[in-house]
Amino acid sequence: MNTKKAANCLEIVSYKSIVSVEAMIPVNQQMQTFLHQQPGFVRRELAHEQQSWTDLVWWQDLESAKAAAEALMSQPFAETLMANVDPESIHMQHKQLCRL
């Protein structure tokens, strides 16, 4: 995590896996490596309860989040990730962060 970058956008992705938790870990490790290489990436947290997953990714801006989502689809691990997930369960949101 690079704490020097200011996050202005939170990406929230929820989905259900169709494989075991153990099978999801390696592909999510690949996702973590990919995200760390993306411009505008700030940090990521991943949570699950059995087959239900929530991915929280902080970005400097919405444009960075959208560019990374597009770049993701050309990554070798993306096919495995998508094969492990129920496509109808995927829900993605982008929220602007509030400064309190």
PDB file of N, CA and C in Angstrom:
ATOM      1  N   MET A   1       0.844  -1.181   0.000  1.00  0.00           N
ATOM      2  CA  MET A   1       0.000   0.000   0.000  1.00  0.00           C
ATOM      3  C   MET A   1       0.885   1.239   0.000  1.00  0.00           C
ATOM      4  N   ASN A   2       0.593   2.155  -0.893  1.00  0.00           N
ATOM      5  CA  ASN A   2       1.326   3.416  -0.956  1.00  0.00           C
ATOM      6  C   ASN A   2       0.488   4.481  -0.263  1.00  0.00           C
ATOM      7  N   THR A   3       0.870   4.849   0.959  1.00  0.00           N
ATOM      8  CA  THR A   3       0.070   5.797   1.731  1.00  0.00           C
ATOM      9  C   THR A   3       0.291   7.239   1.306  1.00  0.00           C
ATOM     10  N   LYS A   4       1.228   7.503   0.391  1.00  0.00           N
ATOM     11  CA  LYS A   4       1.484   8.863  -0.067  1.00  0.00           C
ATOM     12  C   LYS A   4       0.435   9.320  -1.078  1.00  0.00           C
ATOM     13  N   LYS A   5      -0.282   8.378  -1.704  1.00  0.00           N
ATOM     14  CA  LYS A   5      -1.306   8.722  -2.675  1.00  0.00           C
ATOM     15  C   LYS A   5      -2.620   8.990  -1.954  1.00  0.00           C
ATOM     16  N   ALA A   6      -3.343  10.011  -2.392  1.00  0.00           N
ATOM     17  CA  ALA A   6      -4.648  10.314  -1.810  1.00  0.00           C
ATOM     18  C   ALA A   6      -5.735   9.629  -2.632  1.00  0.00           C
ATOM     19  N   ALA A   7      -6.574   8.871  -1.964  1.00  0.00           N
ATOM     20  CA  ALA A   7      -7.677   8.198  -2.639  1.00  0.00           C
ATOM     21  C   ALA A   7      -8.875   9.128  -2.722  1.00  0.00           C
ATOM     22  N   ASN A   8      -9.486   9.183  -3.885  1.00  0.00           N
ATOM     23  CA  ASN A   8     -10.704   9.962  -4.091  1.00  0.00           C
ATOM     24  C   ASN A   8     -11.860   9.099  -4.582  1.00  0.00           C
ATOM     25  N   CYS A   9     -11.562   7.828  -4.902  1.00  0.00           N
ATOM     26  CA  CYS A   9     -12.569   6.938  -5.470  1.00  0.00           C
ATOM     27  C   CYS A   9     -12.452   5.567  -4.810  1.00  0.00           C
ATOM     28  N   LEU A  10     -13.578   5.009  -4.421  1.00  0.00           N
ATOM     29  CA  LEU A  10     -13.622   3.657  -3.873  1.00  0.00           C
ATOM     30  C   LEU A  10     -14.395   2.776  -4.842  1.00  0.00           C
ATOM     31  N   GLU A  11     -13.753   1.702  -5.269  1.00  0.00           N
ATOM     32  CA  GLU A  11     -14.387   0.708  -6.131  1.00  0.00           C
ATOM     33  C   GLU A  11     -14.817  -0.461  -5.245  1.00  0.00           C
ATOM     34  N   ILE A  12     -16.080  -0.837  -5.358  1.00  0.00           N
ATOM     35  CA  ILE A  12     -16.639  -1.936  -4.567  1.00  0.00           C
ATOM     36  C   ILE A  12     -17.151  -2.979  -5.546  1.00  0.00           C
ATOM     37  N   VAL A  13     -16.558  -4.165  -5.493  1.00  0.00           N
ATOM     38  CA  VAL A  13     -16.975  -5.247  -6.378  1.00  0.00           C
ATOM     39  C   VAL A  13     -17.379  -6.429  -5.514  1.00  0.00           C
ATOM     40  N   SER A  14     -18.607  -6.883  -5.684  1.00  0.00           N
ATOM     41  CA  SER A  14     -19.067  -8.074  -4.972  1.00  0.00           C
ATOM     42  C   SER A  14     -19.402  -9.147  -6.002  1.00  0.00           C
ATOM     43  N   TYR A  15     -19.149 -10.396  -5.610  1.00  0.00           N
ATOM     44  CA  TYR A  15     -19.406 -11.518  -6.511  1.00  0.00           C
ATOM     45  C   TYR A  15     -19.420 -12.817  -5.710  1.00  0.00           C
ATOM     46  N   LYS A  16     -19.909 -13.876  -6.353  1.00  0.00           N
ATOM     47  CA  LYS A  16     -19.902 -15.197  -5.748  1.00  0.00           C
ATOM     48  C   LYS A  16     -19.007 -16.105  -6.575  1.00  0.00           C
ATOM     49  N   SER A  17     -18.132 -16.813  -5.885  1.00  0.00           N
ATOM     50  CA  SER A  17     -17.266 -17.757  -6.587  1.00  0.00           C
ATOM     51  C   SER A  17     -18.001 -19.084  -6.749  1.00  0.00           C
ATOM     52  N   ILE A  18     -17.607 -19.830  -7.773  1.00  0.00           N
ATOM     53  CA  ILE A  18     -18.181 -21.159  -8.006  1.00  0.00           C
ATOM     54  C   ILE A  18     -17.134 -22.237  -7.732  1.00  0.00           C
ATOM     55  N   VAL A  19     -16.035 -21.825  -7.118  1.00  0.00           N
ATOM     56  CA  VAL A  19     -14.973 -22.740  -6.712  1.00  0.00           C
ATOM     57  C   VAL A  19     -14.684 -22.502  -5.228  1.00  0.00           C
ATOM     58  N   SER A  20     -13.814 -23.304  -4.674  1.00  0.00           N
ATOM     59  CA  SER A  20     -13.484 -23.180  -3.255  1.00  0.00           C
ATOM     60  C   SER A  20     -12.732 -21.890  -2.959  1.00  0.00           C
ATOM     61  N   VAL A  21     -12.755 -21.504  -1.703  1.00  0.00           N
ATOM     62  CA  VAL A  21     -11.981 -20.348  -1.251  1.00  0.00           C
ATOM     63  C   VAL A  21     -10.510 -20.563  -1.574  1.00  0.00           C
ATOM     64  N   GLU A  22     -10.025 -21.774  -1.346  1.00  0.00           N
ATOM     65  CA  GLU A  22      -8.625 -22.096  -1.612  1.00  0.00           C
ATOM     66  C   GLU A  22      -8.264 -21.886  -3.081  1.00  0.00           C
ATOM     67  N   ALA A  23      -9.186 -22.153  -3.987  1.00  0.00           N
ATOM     68  CA  ALA A  23      -8.939 -21.956  -5.418  1.00  0.00           C
ATOM     69  C   ALA A  23      -8.962 -20.485  -5.801  1.00  0.00           C
ATOM     70  N   MET A  24      -9.636 -19.657  -5.005  1.00  0.00           N
ATOM     71  CA  MET A  24      -9.719 -18.224  -5.307  1.00  0.00           C
ATOM     72  C   MET A  24      -8.483 -17.448  -4.851  1.00  0.00           C
ATOM     73  N   ILE A  25      -7.773 -17.956  -3.862  1.00  0.00           N
ATOM     74  CA  ILE A  25      -6.633 -17.221  -3.308  1.00  0.00           C
ATOM     75  C   ILE A  25      -5.537 -16.953  -4.342  1.00  0.00           C
ATOM     76  N   PRO A  26      -5.063 -17.950  -5.101  1.00  0.00           N
ATOM     77  CA  PRO A  26      -3.980 -17.671  -6.055  1.00  0.00           C
ATOM     78  C   PRO A  26      -4.354 -16.631  -7.121  1.00  0.00           C
ATOM     79  N   VAL A  27      -5.570 -16.699  -7.630  1.00  0.00           N
ATOM     80  CA  VAL A  27      -5.963 -15.734  -8.661  1.00  0.00           C
ATOM     81  C   VAL A  27      -6.113 -14.338  -8.053  1.00  0.00           C
ATOM     82  N   ASN A  28      -6.515 -14.257  -6.796  1.00  0.00           N
ATOM     83  CA  ASN A  28      -6.588 -12.954  -6.141  1.00  0.00           C
ATOM     84  C   ASN A  28      -5.211 -12.417  -5.797  1.00  0.00           C
ATOM     85  N   GLN A  29      -4.248 -13.288  -5.581  1.00  0.00           N
ATOM     86  CA  GLN A  29      -2.868 -12.836  -5.406  1.00  0.00           C
ATOM     87  C   GLN A  29      -2.341 -12.233  -6.712  1.00  0.00           C
ATOM     88  N   GLN A  30      -2.707 -12.849  -7.828  1.00  0.00           N
ATOM     89  CA  GLN A  30      -2.325 -12.288  -9.132  1.00  0.00           C
ATOM     90  C   GLN A  30      -2.997 -10.937  -9.358  1.00  0.00           C
ATOM     91  N   MET A  31      -4.247 -10.826  -8.946  1.00  0.00           N
ATOM     92  CA  MET A  31      -4.961  -9.551  -9.047  1.00  0.00           C
ATOM     93  C   MET A  31      -4.256  -8.483  -8.218  1.00  0.00           C
ATOM     94  N   GLN A  32      -3.823  -8.847  -7.025  1.00  0.00           N
ATOM     95  CA  GLN A  32      -3.127  -7.905  -6.152  1.00  0.00           C
ATOM     96  C   GLN A  32      -1.861  -7.371  -6.828  1.00  0.00           C
ATOM     97  N   THR A  33      -1.087  -8.259  -7.419  1.00  0.00           N
ATOM     98  CA  THR A  33       0.133  -7.854  -8.124  1.00  0.00           C
ATOM     99  C   THR A  33      -0.203  -6.919  -9.276  1.00  0.00           C
ATOM    100  N   PHE A  34      -1.219  -7.272 -10.042  1.00  0.00           N
ATOM    101  CA  PHE A  34      -1.655  -6.440 -11.169  1.00  0.00           C
ATOM    102  C   PHE A  34      -2.063  -5.046 -10.683  1.00  0.00           C
ATOM    103  N   LEU A  35      -2.875  -4.982  -9.649  1.00  0.00           N
ATOM    104  CA  LEU A  35      -3.358  -3.689  -9.156  1.00  0.00           C
ATOM    105  C   LEU A  35      -2.213  -2.791  -8.699  1.00  0.00           C
ATOM    106  N   HIS A  36      -1.240  -3.360  -8.033  1.00  0.00           N
ATOM    107  CA  HIS A  36      -0.098  -2.573  -7.557  1.00  0.00           C
ATOM    108  C   HIS A  36       0.674  -1.928  -8.704  1.00  0.00           C
ATOM    109  N   GLN A  37       0.533  -2.444  -9.901  1.00  0.00           N
ATOM    110  CA  GLN A  37       1.236  -1.914 -11.071  1.00  0.00           C
ATOM    111  C   GLN A  37       0.423  -0.847 -11.807  1.00  0.00           C
ATOM    112  N   GLN A  38      -0.822  -0.630 -11.394  1.00  0.00           N
ATOM    113  CA  GLN A  38      -1.706   0.269 -12.125  1.00  0.00           C
ATOM    114  C   GLN A  38      -1.570   1.714 -11.648  1.00  0.00           C
ATOM    115  N   PRO A  39      -1.516   2.654 -12.613  1.00  0.00           N
ATOM    116  CA  PRO A  39      -1.486   4.071 -12.236  1.00  0.00           C
ATOM    117  C   PRO A  39      -2.745   4.432 -11.450  1.00  0.00           C
ATOM    118  N   GLY A  40      -2.569   5.180 -10.379  1.00  0.00           N
ATOM    119  CA  GLY A  40      -3.698   5.639  -9.584  1.00  0.00           C
ATOM    120  C   GLY A  40      -4.134   4.694  -8.488  1.00  0.00           C
ATOM    121  N   PHE A  41      -3.562   3.484  -8.426  1.00  0.00           N
ATOM    122  CA  PHE A  41      -3.914   2.534  -7.376  1.00  0.00           C
ATOM    123  C   PHE A  41      -3.404   3.045  -6.032  1.00  0.00           C
ATOM    124  N   VAL A  42      -4.244   2.925  -5.001  1.00  0.00           N
ATOM    125  CA  VAL A  42      -3.857   3.333  -3.657  1.00  0.00           C
ATOM    126  C   VAL A  42      -3.768   2.118  -2.733  1.00  0.00           C
ATOM    127  N   ARG A  43      -4.863   1.352  -2.626  1.00  0.00           N
ATOM    128  CA  ARG A  43      -4.833   0.160  -1.774  1.00  0.00           C
ATOM    129  C   ARG A  43      -6.012  -0.746  -2.079  1.00  0.00           C
ATOM    130  N   ARG A  44      -5.940  -1.964  -1.546  1.00  0.00           N
ATOM    131  CA  ARG A  44      -6.996  -2.954  -1.767  1.00  0.00           C
ATOM    132  C   ARG A  44      -7.220  -3.757  -0.497  1.00  0.00           C
ATOM    133  N   GLU A  45      -8.475  -4.068  -0.239  1.00  0.00           N
ATOM    134  CA  GLU A  45      -8.870  -4.989   0.827  1.00  0.00           C
ATOM    135  C   GLU A  45      -9.824  -6.002   0.202  1.00  0.00           C
ATOM    136  N   LEU A  46      -9.690  -7.241   0.598  1.00  0.00           N
ATOM    137  CA  LEU A  46     -10.534  -8.312   0.066  1.00  0.00           C
ATOM    138  C   LEU A  46     -11.134  -9.071   1.235  1.00  0.00           C
ATOM    139  N   ALA A  47     -12.438  -9.295   1.177  1.00  0.00           N
ATOM    140  CA  ALA A  47     -13.123 -10.020   2.248  1.00  0.00           C
ATOM    141  C   ALA A  47     -14.016 -11.093   1.628  1.00  0.00           C
ATOM    142  N   HIS A  48     -14.245 -12.151   2.402  1.00  0.00           N
ATOM    143  CA  HIS A  48     -15.157 -13.186   1.924  1.00  0.00           C
ATOM    144  C   HIS A  48     -15.851 -13.864   3.088  1.00  0.00           C
ATOM    145  N   GLU A  49     -16.996 -14.420   2.787  1.00  0.00           N
ATOM    146  CA  GLU A  49     -17.714 -15.302   3.693  1.00  0.00           C
ATOM    147  C   GLU A  49     -18.144 -16.473   2.831  1.00  0.00           C
ATOM    148  N   GLN A  50     -17.424 -17.559   2.973  1.00  0.00           N
ATOM    149  CA  GLN A  50     -17.583 -18.739   2.126  1.00  0.00           C
ATOM    150  C   GLN A  50     -17.397 -18.332   0.665  1.00  0.00           C
ATOM    151  N   GLN A  51     -18.408 -18.483  -0.182  1.00  0.00           N
ATOM    152  CA  GLN A  51     -18.254 -18.179  -1.610  1.00  0.00           C
ATOM    153  C   GLN A  51     -18.628 -16.733  -1.973  1.00  0.00           C
ATOM    154  N   SER A  52     -19.003 -15.934  -1.014  1.00  0.00           N
ATOM    155  CA  SER A  52     -19.380 -14.537  -1.261  1.00  0.00           C
ATOM    156  C   SER A  52     -18.175 -13.628  -0.999  1.00  0.00           C
ATOM    157  N   TRP A  53     -17.788 -12.839  -2.002  1.00  0.00           N
ATOM    158  CA  TRP A  53     -16.582 -12.008  -1.941  1.00  0.00           C
ATOM    159  C   TRP A  53     -16.922 -10.531  -2.112  1.00  0.00           C
ATOM    160  N   THR A  54     -16.152  -9.681  -1.433  1.00  0.00           N
ATOM    161  CA  THR A  54     -16.232  -8.230  -1.619  1.00  0.00           C
ATOM    162  C   THR A  54     -14.812  -7.705  -1.762  1.00  0.00           C
ATOM    163  N   ASP A  55     -14.579  -7.027  -2.862  1.00  0.00           N
ATOM    164  CA  ASP A  55     -13.273  -6.454  -3.184  1.00  0.00           C
ATOM    165  C   ASP A  55     -13.399  -4.937  -3.070  1.00  0.00           C
ATOM    166  N   LEU A  56     -12.601  -4.336  -2.210  1.00  0.00           N
ATOM    167  CA  LEU A  56     -12.589  -2.882  -2.029  1.00  0.00           C
ATOM    168  C   LEU A  56     -11.257  -2.360  -2.538  1.00  0.00           C
ATOM    169  N   VAL A  57     -11.314  -1.461  -3.519  1.00  0.00           N
ATOM    170  CA  VAL A  57     -10.086  -0.921  -4.099  1.00  0.00           C
ATOM    171  C   VAL A  57     -10.180   0.599  -4.084  1.00  0.00           C
ATOM    172  N   TRP A  58      -9.190   1.231  -3.472  1.00  0.00           N
ATOM    173  CA  TRP A  58      -9.117   2.681  -3.413  1.00  0.00           C
ATOM    174  C   TRP A  58      -8.255   3.174  -4.568  1.00  0.00           C
ATOM    175  N   TRP A  59      -8.754   4.183  -5.274  1.00  0.00           N
ATOM    176  CA  TRP A  59      -8.072   4.766  -6.436  1.00  0.00           C
ATOM    177  C   TRP A  59      -7.914   6.270  -6.247  1.00  0.00           C
ATOM    178  N   GLN A  60      -6.940   6.826  -6.921  1.00  0.00           N
ATOM    179  CA  GLN A  60      -6.786   8.280  -6.888  1.00  0.00           C
ATOM    180  C   GLN A  60      -7.959   8.964  -7.577  1.00  0.00           C
ATOM    181  N   ASP A  61      -8.515   8.318  -8.601  1.00  0.00           N
ATOM    182  CA  ASP A  61      -9.636   8.914  -9.326  1.00  0.00           C
ATOM    183  C   ASP A  61     -10.387   7.836 -10.102  1.00  0.00           C
ATOM    184  N   LEU A  62     -11.578   8.177 -10.548  1.00  0.00           N
ATOM    185  CA  LEU A  62     -12.431   7.255 -11.288  1.00  0.00           C
ATOM    186  C   LEU A  62     -11.788   6.829 -12.598  1.00  0.00           C
ATOM    187  N   GLU A  63     -11.097   7.725 -13.260  1.00  0.00           N
ATOM    188  CA  GLU A  63     -10.463   7.404 -14.534  1.00  0.00           C
ATOM    189  C   GLU A  63      -9.437   6.284 -14.371  1.00  0.00           C
ATOM    190  N   SER A  64      -8.674   6.315 -13.292  1.00  0.00           N
ATOM    191  CA  SER A  64      -7.693   5.255 -13.022  1.00  0.00           C
ATOM    192  C   SER A  64      -8.389   3.916 -12.809  1.00  0.00           C
ATOM    193  N   ALA A  65      -9.490   3.930 -12.069  1.00  0.00           N
ATOM    194  CA  ALA A  65     -10.248   2.705 -11.815  1.00  0.00           C
ATOM    195  C   ALA A  65     -10.765   2.108 -13.115  1.00  0.00           C
ATOM    196  N   LYS A  66     -11.314   2.948 -13.973  1.00  0.00           N
ATOM    197  CA  LYS A  66     -11.859   2.473 -15.245  1.00  0.00           C
ATOM    198  C   LYS A  66     -10.759   1.957 -16.170  1.00  0.00           C
ATOM    199  N   ALA A  67      -9.622   2.630 -16.190  1.00  0.00           N
ATOM    200  CA  ALA A  67      -8.497   2.196 -17.034  1.00  0.00           C
ATOM    201  C   ALA A  67      -7.978   0.836 -16.564  1.00  0.00           C
ATOM    202  N   ALA A  68      -7.896   0.638 -15.256  1.00  0.00           N
ATOM    203  CA  ALA A  68      -7.425  -0.641 -14.725  1.00  0.00           C
ATOM    204  C   ALA A  68      -8.412  -1.761 -15.049  1.00  0.00           C
ATOM    205  N   ALA A  69      -9.702  -1.485 -14.965  1.00  0.00           N
ATOM    206  CA  ALA A  69     -10.713  -2.491 -15.291  1.00  0.00           C
ATOM    207  C   ALA A  69     -10.586  -2.920 -16.748  1.00  0.00           C
ATOM    208  N   GLU A  70     -10.321  -1.966 -17.616  1.00  0.00           N
ATOM    209  CA  GLU A  70     -10.137  -2.290 -19.034  1.00  0.00           C
ATOM    210  C   GLU A  70      -8.852  -3.097 -19.252  1.00  0.00           C
ATOM    211  N   ALA A  71      -7.775  -2.684 -18.601  1.00  0.00           N
ATOM    212  CA  ALA A  71      -6.496  -3.381 -18.736  1.00  0.00           C
ATOM    213  C   ALA A  71      -6.559  -4.793 -18.152  1.00  0.00           C
ATOM    214  N   LEU A  72      -7.380  -4.981 -17.147  1.00  0.00           N
ATOM    215  CA  LEU A  72      -7.504  -6.287 -16.501  1.00  0.00           C
ATOM    216  C   LEU A  72      -7.892  -7.374 -17.493  1.00  0.00           C
ATOM    217  N   MET A  73      -8.777  -7.055 -18.414  1.00  0.00           N
ATOM    218  CA  MET A  73      -9.304  -8.075 -19.308  1.00  0.00           C
ATOM    219  C   MET A  73      -8.247  -8.671 -20.237  1.00  0.00           C
ATOM    220  N   SER A  74      -7.120  -8.009 -20.410  1.00  0.00           N
ATOM    221  CA  SER A  74      -6.058  -8.549 -21.263  1.00  0.00           C
ATOM    222  C   SER A  74      -4.996  -9.309 -20.463  1.00  0.00           C
ATOM    223  N   GLN A  75      -5.210  -9.436 -19.153  1.00  0.00           N
ATOM    224  CA  GLN A  75      -4.251 -10.143 -18.307  1.00  0.00           C
ATOM    225  C   GLN A  75      -4.465 -11.653 -18.396  1.00  0.00           C
ATOM    226  N   PRO A  76      -3.384 -12.433 -18.390  1.00  0.00           N
ATOM    227  CA  PRO A  76      -3.521 -13.891 -18.496  1.00  0.00           C
ATOM    228  C   PRO A  76      -4.397 -14.512 -17.408  1.00  0.00           C
ATOM    229  N   PHE A  77      -4.372 -13.977 -16.199  1.00  0.00           N
ATOM    230  CA  PHE A  77      -5.146 -14.563 -15.108  1.00  0.00           C
ATOM    231  C   PHE A  77      -6.625 -14.184 -15.147  1.00  0.00           C
ATOM    232  N   ALA A  78      -6.995 -13.216 -15.966  1.00  0.00           N
ATOM    233  CA  ALA A  78      -8.388 -12.752 -15.996  1.00  0.00           C
ATOM    234  C   ALA A  78      -9.347 -13.853 -16.435  1.00  0.00           C
ATOM    235  N   GLU A  79      -8.923 -14.687 -17.361  1.00  0.00           N
ATOM    236  CA  GLU A  79      -9.780 -15.778 -17.828  1.00  0.00           C
ATOM    237  C   GLU A  79     -10.084 -16.754 -16.689  1.00  0.00           C
ATOM    238  N   THR A  80      -9.061 -17.071 -15.898  1.00  0.00           N
ATOM    239  CA  THR A  80      -9.259 -17.958 -14.750  1.00  0.00           C
ATOM    240  C   THR A  80     -10.174 -17.303 -13.719  1.00  0.00           C
ATOM    241  N   LEU A  81      -9.939 -16.038 -13.451  1.00  0.00           N
ATOM    242  CA  LEU A  81     -10.774 -15.316 -12.495  1.00  0.00           C
ATOM    243  C   LEU A  81     -12.238 -15.362 -12.918  1.00  0.00           C
ATOM    244  N   MET A  82     -12.503 -15.034 -14.176  1.00  0.00           N
ATOM    245  CA  MET A  82     -13.885 -15.001 -14.651  1.00  0.00           C
ATOM    246  C   MET A  82     -14.509 -16.391 -14.676  1.00  0.00           C
ATOM    247  N   ALA A  83     -13.706 -17.418 -14.932  1.00  0.00           N
ATOM    248  CA  ALA A  83     -14.218 -18.794 -14.925  1.00  0.00           C
ATOM    249  C   ALA A  83     -14.574 -19.263 -13.524  1.00  0.00           C
ATOM    250  N   ASN A  84     -13.974 -18.642 -12.510  1.00  0.00           N
ATOM    251  CA  ASN A  84     -14.208 -19.023 -11.116  1.00  0.00           C
ATOM    252  C   ASN A  84     -15.381 -18.291 -10.481  1.00  0.00           C
ATOM    253  N   VAL A  85     -16.000 -17.380 -11.216  1.00  0.00           N
ATOM    254  CA  VAL A  85     -17.028 -16.494 -10.662  1.00  0.00           C
ATOM    255  C   VAL A  85     -18.349 -16.671 -11.414  1.00  0.00           C
ATOM    256  N   ASP A  86     -19.441 -16.628 -10.669  1.00  0.00           N
ATOM    257  CA  ASP A  86     -20.768 -16.615 -11.286  1.00  0.00           C
ATOM    258  C   ASP A  86     -20.959 -15.234 -11.920  1.00  0.00           C
ATOM    259  N   PRO A  87     -20.998 -15.149 -13.258  1.00  0.00           N
ATOM    260  CA  PRO A  87     -21.046 -13.831 -13.907  1.00  0.00           C
ATOM    261  C   PRO A  87     -22.282 -13.009 -13.546  1.00  0.00           C
ATOM    262  N   GLU A  88     -23.373 -13.665 -13.232  1.00  0.00           N
ATOM    263  CA  GLU A  88     -24.596 -12.929 -12.886  1.00  0.00           C
ATOM    264  C   GLU A  88     -24.532 -12.342 -11.478  1.00  0.00           C
ATOM    265  N   SER A  89     -23.548 -12.760 -10.692  1.00  0.00           N
ATOM    266  CA  SER A  89     -23.440 -12.264  -9.320  1.00  0.00           C
ATOM    267  C   SER A  89     -22.559 -11.026  -9.206  1.00  0.00           C
ATOM    268  N   ILE A  90     -21.868 -10.661 -10.271  1.00  0.00           N
ATOM    269  CA  ILE A  90     -20.917  -9.548 -10.218  1.00  0.00           C
ATOM    270  C   ILE A  90     -21.662  -8.218 -10.138  1.00  0.00           C
ATOM    271  N   HIS A  91     -21.279  -7.427  -9.137  1.00  0.00           N
ATOM    272  CA  HIS A  91     -21.858  -6.085  -8.972  1.00  0.00           C
ATOM    273  C   HIS A  91     -20.712  -5.122  -8.664  1.00  0.00           C
ATOM    274  N   MET A  92     -20.539  -4.112  -9.519  1.00  0.00           N
ATOM    275  CA  MET A  92     -19.450  -3.146  -9.345  1.00  0.00           C
ATOM    276  C   MET A  92     -20.026  -1.755  -9.136  1.00  0.00           C
ATOM    277  N   GLN A  93     -19.451  -1.045  -8.168  1.00  0.00           N
ATOM    278  CA  GLN A  93     -19.832   0.338  -7.892  1.00  0.00           C
ATOM    279  C   GLN A  93     -18.567   1.171  -7.740  1.00  0.00           C
ATOM    280  N   HIS A  94     -18.690   2.444  -8.085  1.00  0.00           N
ATOM    281  CA  HIS A  94     -17.619   3.425  -7.809  1.00  0.00           C
ATOM    282  C   HIS A  94     -18.235   4.563  -7.004  1.00  0.00           C
ATOM    283  N   LYS A  95     -17.596   4.876  -5.893  1.00  0.00           N
ATOM    284  CA  LYS A  95     -18.091   5.933  -5.011  1.00  0.00           C
ATOM    285  C   LYS A  95     -17.015   6.977  -4.810  1.00  0.00           C
ATOM    286  N   GLN A  96     -17.420   8.237  -4.805  1.00  0.00           N
ATOM    287  CA  GLN A  96     -16.497   9.322  -4.480  1.00  0.00           C
ATOM    288  C   GLN A  96     -16.345   9.367  -2.962  1.00  0.00           C
ATOM    289  N   LEU A  97     -15.110   9.436  -2.482  1.00  0.00           N
ATOM    290  CA  LEU A  97     -14.865   9.475  -1.048  1.00  0.00           C
ATOM    291  C   LEU A  97     -15.125  10.859  -0.482  1.00  0.00           C
ATOM    292  N   CYS A  98     -15.649  10.887   0.725  1.00  0.00           N
ATOM    293  CA  CYS A  98     -15.921  12.132   1.432  1.00  0.00           C
ATOM    294  C   CYS A  98     -14.811  12.378   2.442  1.00  0.00           C
ATOM    295  N   ARG A  99     -14.413  13.603   2.593  1.00  0.00           N
ATOM    296  CA  ARG A  99     -13.416  13.975   3.607  1.00  0.00           C
ATOM    297  C   ARG A  99     -14.159  14.497   4.817  1.00  0.00           C
ATOM    298  N   LEU A 100     -14.036  13.824   5.953  1.00  0.00           N
ATOM    299  CA  LEU A 100     -14.727  14.230   7.168  1.00  0.00           C
ATOM    300  C   LEU A 100     -13.753  14.810   8.170  1.00  0.00           C
TER     301      LEU A 100
END
